Protein backbone atom coordinates (compact mmCIF):
# COMPACT_ATOMS: atom_id res chain seq x y z
CA MET A 1 -20.36 -19.09 19.15
CA THR A 2 -19.89 -19.65 15.39
CA ILE A 3 -16.74 -18.86 13.43
CA LEU A 4 -18.49 -15.88 11.83
CA GLU A 5 -19.48 -14.57 15.26
CA ASN A 6 -15.90 -14.98 16.45
CA GLN A 7 -14.63 -13.13 13.39
CA SER A 8 -17.13 -10.31 13.88
CA GLU A 9 -16.24 -9.98 17.56
CA LEU A 10 -12.54 -9.78 16.68
CA LEU A 11 -13.18 -6.99 14.16
CA ASP A 12 -15.05 -5.03 16.83
CA ARG A 13 -12.12 -5.44 19.23
CA LEU A 14 -9.61 -4.35 16.61
CA GLU A 15 -11.66 -1.33 15.53
CA ALA A 16 -11.55 -0.10 19.11
CA MET A 17 -7.74 -0.33 19.32
CA SER A 18 -5.27 2.49 18.79
CA PRO A 19 -2.87 2.06 15.86
CA GLU A 20 -0.08 1.01 18.25
CA GLU A 21 -2.34 -1.50 19.98
CA MET A 22 -3.39 -2.94 16.63
CA LEU A 23 0.22 -3.37 15.48
CA THR A 24 1.18 -4.95 18.80
CA TRP A 25 -1.79 -7.33 18.62
CA ALA A 26 -0.89 -8.40 15.07
CA HIS A 27 2.72 -9.18 15.93
CA THR A 28 1.98 -10.80 19.30
CA ASN A 29 -0.71 -13.08 17.93
CA HIS A 30 0.62 -13.81 14.44
CA GLY A 31 4.38 -13.26 14.50
CA ASP A 32 5.96 -13.65 11.05
CA ARG A 33 2.51 -14.23 9.54
CA ALA A 34 1.73 -10.53 10.05
CA GLY A 35 3.37 -7.73 8.09
CA ILE A 36 3.15 -4.14 6.93
CA ILE A 37 3.02 -3.89 3.14
CA THR A 38 3.93 -0.33 2.24
CA SER A 39 4.85 1.74 -0.81
CA PHE A 40 6.71 4.11 1.55
CA GLN A 41 4.33 6.99 1.32
CA ASP A 42 3.97 8.88 4.60
CA THR A 43 1.27 6.66 6.09
CA GLY A 44 3.44 3.59 5.65
CA THR A 45 6.49 5.34 7.06
CA VAL A 46 4.48 6.30 10.15
CA MET A 47 3.38 2.68 10.65
CA VAL A 48 6.95 1.44 10.29
CA ASP A 49 8.07 3.91 12.96
CA MET A 50 5.20 2.92 15.26
CA SER A 51 5.98 -0.76 14.81
CA ARG A 52 9.63 -0.27 15.78
CA ARG A 53 8.38 1.24 19.06
CA CYS A 54 5.64 -1.25 19.94
CA ALA A 55 6.23 -4.37 17.79
CA PRO A 56 9.89 -4.26 16.72
CA GLY A 57 9.89 -7.66 15.03
CA LEU A 58 7.00 -6.93 12.70
CA ARG A 59 7.82 -7.61 9.05
CA VAL A 60 8.09 -4.67 6.64
CA ILE A 61 7.33 -5.54 3.02
CA THR A 62 7.21 -3.53 -0.20
CA ILE A 63 6.26 -4.24 -3.80
CA ASP A 64 9.17 -3.20 -6.00
CA THR A 65 7.70 -2.78 -9.48
CA LEU A 66 11.21 -2.06 -10.86
CA ARG A 67 9.80 1.29 -12.02
CA LEU A 68 9.71 3.25 -8.76
CA HIS A 69 11.04 6.78 -8.45
CA PRO A 70 14.70 7.14 -7.39
CA GLU A 71 13.44 9.09 -4.36
CA THR A 72 11.41 6.06 -3.26
CA TYR A 73 14.41 3.73 -3.43
CA GLU A 74 16.45 6.29 -1.50
CA LEU A 75 13.79 6.39 1.21
CA MET A 76 13.76 2.59 1.50
CA ASP A 77 17.51 2.64 2.06
CA ALA A 78 17.14 5.40 4.66
CA ILE A 79 14.43 3.42 6.50
CA GLU A 80 16.60 0.31 6.58
CA LYS A 81 19.54 2.30 7.94
CA ARG A 82 17.52 4.19 10.55
CA TYR A 83 15.81 1.14 12.04
CA GLY A 84 18.39 -1.53 11.31
CA ILE A 85 15.91 -3.62 9.34
CA THR A 86 15.76 -5.31 5.97
CA VAL A 87 12.73 -4.38 3.90
CA GLU A 88 11.41 -7.44 2.08
CA ARG A 89 11.07 -6.56 -1.60
CA PHE A 90 8.69 -8.55 -3.81
CA GLN A 91 9.27 -7.99 -7.53
CA PRO A 92 7.49 -8.98 -10.76
CA ASP A 93 8.10 -12.41 -12.22
CA PRO A 94 10.88 -11.84 -14.82
CA GLU A 95 9.35 -14.09 -17.48
CA ARG A 96 5.87 -12.59 -17.07
CA LEU A 97 7.35 -9.09 -17.24
CA GLN A 98 9.43 -9.84 -20.34
CA LYS A 99 6.44 -11.39 -22.11
CA MET A 100 4.23 -8.39 -21.33
CA VAL A 101 6.76 -5.88 -22.65
CA ALA A 102 7.41 -7.98 -25.77
CA GLN A 103 3.69 -8.18 -26.56
CA HIS A 104 2.52 -4.70 -25.61
CA GLY A 105 5.58 -2.47 -25.26
CA GLU A 106 7.10 -0.91 -22.16
CA PHE A 107 4.62 1.97 -22.07
CA LEU A 108 1.42 -0.03 -22.63
CA PHE A 109 -0.31 1.83 -19.79
CA PHE A 110 -0.84 4.80 -22.13
CA ASP A 111 -2.89 2.73 -24.58
CA SER A 112 -6.02 1.92 -22.58
CA LYS A 113 -7.39 1.39 -19.08
CA PRO A 114 -7.30 -2.42 -19.46
CA LYS A 115 -3.63 -2.30 -20.49
CA GLN A 116 -2.81 -0.03 -17.54
CA GLU A 117 -4.49 -2.55 -15.27
CA PHE A 118 -2.59 -5.37 -16.95
CA CYS A 119 0.72 -3.60 -16.35
CA CYS A 120 -0.24 -3.09 -12.70
CA LYS A 121 -1.25 -6.73 -12.48
CA ILE A 122 2.17 -7.93 -13.62
CA ARG A 123 4.25 -5.36 -11.74
CA LYS A 124 2.18 -4.91 -8.56
CA VAL A 125 -0.78 -7.23 -8.04
CA GLU A 126 0.96 -10.55 -8.69
CA PRO A 127 3.99 -9.74 -6.47
CA ASN A 128 1.55 -8.51 -3.82
CA GLU A 129 -0.32 -11.82 -3.98
CA ARG A 130 2.95 -13.66 -3.42
CA ALA A 131 3.61 -11.47 -0.40
CA LEU A 132 0.10 -12.11 0.93
CA ALA A 133 0.61 -15.86 0.62
CA SER A 134 3.15 -15.53 3.44
CA LEU A 135 0.73 -13.59 5.68
CA ASP A 136 -2.38 -14.13 7.75
CA VAL A 137 -2.56 -10.43 8.71
CA TRP A 138 -2.08 -7.78 6.02
CA ILE A 139 -1.35 -4.32 7.43
CA THR A 140 -1.88 -1.54 4.91
CA GLY A 141 -1.63 2.26 4.74
CA LEU A 142 -5.09 2.94 3.28
CA ARG A 143 -6.78 6.09 4.60
CA ARG A 144 -10.34 7.26 4.12
CA ASP A 145 -9.31 10.74 2.99
CA GLN A 146 -7.14 9.48 0.11
CA SER A 147 -9.94 9.17 -2.45
CA ALA A 148 -13.68 8.81 -2.88
CA ALA A 149 -13.26 5.07 -3.36
CA ARG A 150 -11.56 4.78 0.04
CA LYS A 151 -14.01 6.82 2.13
CA VAL A 152 -15.53 3.71 3.71
CA THR A 153 -12.26 1.86 4.35
CA PRO A 154 -12.62 -0.19 7.56
CA ARG A 155 -9.76 -0.31 10.03
CA ALA A 156 -10.21 -4.08 10.25
CA SER A 157 -11.85 -6.47 7.82
CA TRP A 158 -11.82 -10.06 6.63
CA ILE A 159 -11.08 -10.54 2.93
CA ASP A 160 -10.96 -13.61 0.74
CA ARG A 161 -7.69 -14.45 -0.97
CA ASN A 162 -7.92 -17.58 -3.13
CA GLY A 163 -10.41 -19.16 -0.76
CA ARG A 164 -8.42 -18.23 2.33
CA ALA A 165 -9.65 -15.75 4.94
CA LEU A 166 -7.09 -12.99 5.43
CA LEU A 167 -7.30 -10.29 8.09
CA LYS A 168 -6.69 -6.86 6.57
CA LEU A 169 -5.83 -4.00 8.91
CA ALA A 170 -5.63 -0.29 8.14
CA PRO A 171 -4.51 1.17 11.48
CA LEU A 172 -4.48 4.77 10.21
CA ALA A 173 -7.66 4.59 8.11
CA ASP A 174 -9.32 7.31 10.18
CA TRP A 175 -6.27 9.62 10.29
CA SER A 176 -6.20 12.80 8.25
CA GLU A 177 -3.34 13.84 6.00
CA GLU A 178 -2.50 16.54 8.55
CA GLN A 179 -2.26 14.00 11.40
CA VAL A 180 0.17 11.94 9.34
CA ARG A 181 2.27 15.00 8.51
CA GLN A 182 2.38 16.07 12.15
CA TYR A 183 3.59 12.62 13.21
CA VAL A 184 6.32 12.70 10.57
CA LYS A 185 7.39 16.15 11.76
CA LYS A 186 7.22 15.34 15.49
CA HIS A 187 9.38 12.23 15.16
CA ASP A 188 11.63 13.68 12.45
CA LEU A 189 10.98 10.73 10.15
CA PRO A 190 12.63 10.32 6.76
CA TYR A 191 10.06 10.88 4.04
CA ASN A 192 9.72 10.72 0.28
CA THR A 193 11.05 14.04 -1.03
CA LEU A 194 8.61 13.86 -3.94
CA TYR A 195 6.09 15.38 -1.53
CA ASP A 196 8.19 18.54 -1.65
CA LYS A 197 7.76 18.58 -5.43
CA GLY A 198 3.95 18.55 -5.38
CA TYR A 199 3.22 14.81 -5.34
CA SER A 200 0.29 13.72 -3.17
CA SER A 201 0.17 10.04 -4.19
CA ILE A 202 3.33 8.21 -5.17
CA GLY A 203 3.67 5.06 -7.26
CA CYS A 204 5.67 4.25 -10.38
CA VAL A 205 7.65 6.69 -12.51
CA ILE A 206 5.41 8.23 -15.23
CA CYS A 207 2.26 6.74 -13.67
CA SER A 208 2.40 9.16 -10.73
CA THR A 209 2.83 12.89 -11.20
CA PRO A 210 2.50 16.06 -9.07
CA THR A 211 -0.98 17.41 -8.32
CA LEU A 212 -2.33 20.94 -8.19
CA PRO A 213 -3.70 22.36 -4.90
CA LEU A 214 -7.40 21.84 -5.70
CA GLU A 215 -7.06 18.47 -7.41
CA ASP A 216 -8.05 15.13 -5.91
CA LYS A 217 -5.14 13.51 -4.06
CA ARG A 218 -4.97 10.74 -6.66
CA ALA A 219 -5.37 12.98 -9.70
CA GLY A 220 -1.66 12.55 -10.38
CA ARG A 221 -2.04 8.81 -10.82
CA TRP A 222 -2.45 7.80 -14.49
CA ARG A 223 -3.22 11.43 -15.25
CA TRP A 224 -4.13 10.71 -18.88
CA PHE A 225 -7.32 8.97 -17.65
CA ASN A 226 -8.56 11.94 -15.58
CA HIS A 227 -11.17 13.00 -18.12
CA THR A 228 -12.24 9.61 -19.44
CA GLY A 229 -14.40 8.49 -16.51
CA GLU A 230 -12.84 5.02 -16.68
CA GLY A 231 -13.23 3.90 -13.09
CA ASP A 232 -11.37 4.52 -9.85
CA LYS A 233 -7.71 5.44 -9.70
CA GLU A 234 -6.60 2.05 -8.35
CA CYS A 235 -3.87 -0.34 -9.40
CA GLY A 236 -5.82 -3.45 -8.42
CA ILE A 237 -4.07 -4.38 -5.19
CA HIS A 238 -7.03 -3.27 -3.10
CA ILE A 239 -9.94 -3.76 -5.52
CA GLY A 240 -8.76 -6.33 -8.08
CA GLY A 241 -7.61 -5.25 -11.53
CA SER A 242 -9.27 -6.66 -14.63
CA GLY A 243 -6.13 -7.18 -16.69
CA ILE A 244 -6.42 -8.21 -20.32
């Protein structure tokens, strides 16, 4: 059997697993080279709770852009206290960040789509790449119902990162928003209180805002681009930002 056949067979096995089985498999087979990277929206919080039950040593990682909402930092602290863990926080390179702000200003993301992507590249994508360099299995909170661009999200896939094959898992890809909410309620999990204020997708301050009932779940992200037709509402972590 070829390597590609082995890889394809593994994906089939993983796709058939429950979320708990997938998390257990990742930790059992890859140890510290597997980790949940979460922005501490509800899907990530659910996975952290599941992992404490079935794979208690699994790493929990976040990308701290240094511009997150106070409510998000408060939730991180609550998660650490509840589970007795330390969330690994990857932050932007200070020199790269200082240079970007000096050249383009702190609020460059208002200027154009390329500058928004560049800001995300410095604050999110590059720290995420450093986190991924320490992993062989990347566990993410993507769900198919989050946006049109994510409707075909596989629960397990191989991706290329700088010439290296990385296994990307989305254990809750086929869950609905209601399933996630019910899990949070059933297990009385701490959650980001921005949800109570109308947010449906939570990222950086200013770049994520509340949404109206009939709006797309990611309409609150970079709201000033809603009527420009300038591509998907993504920061680049999952699709690759262009930068400038």
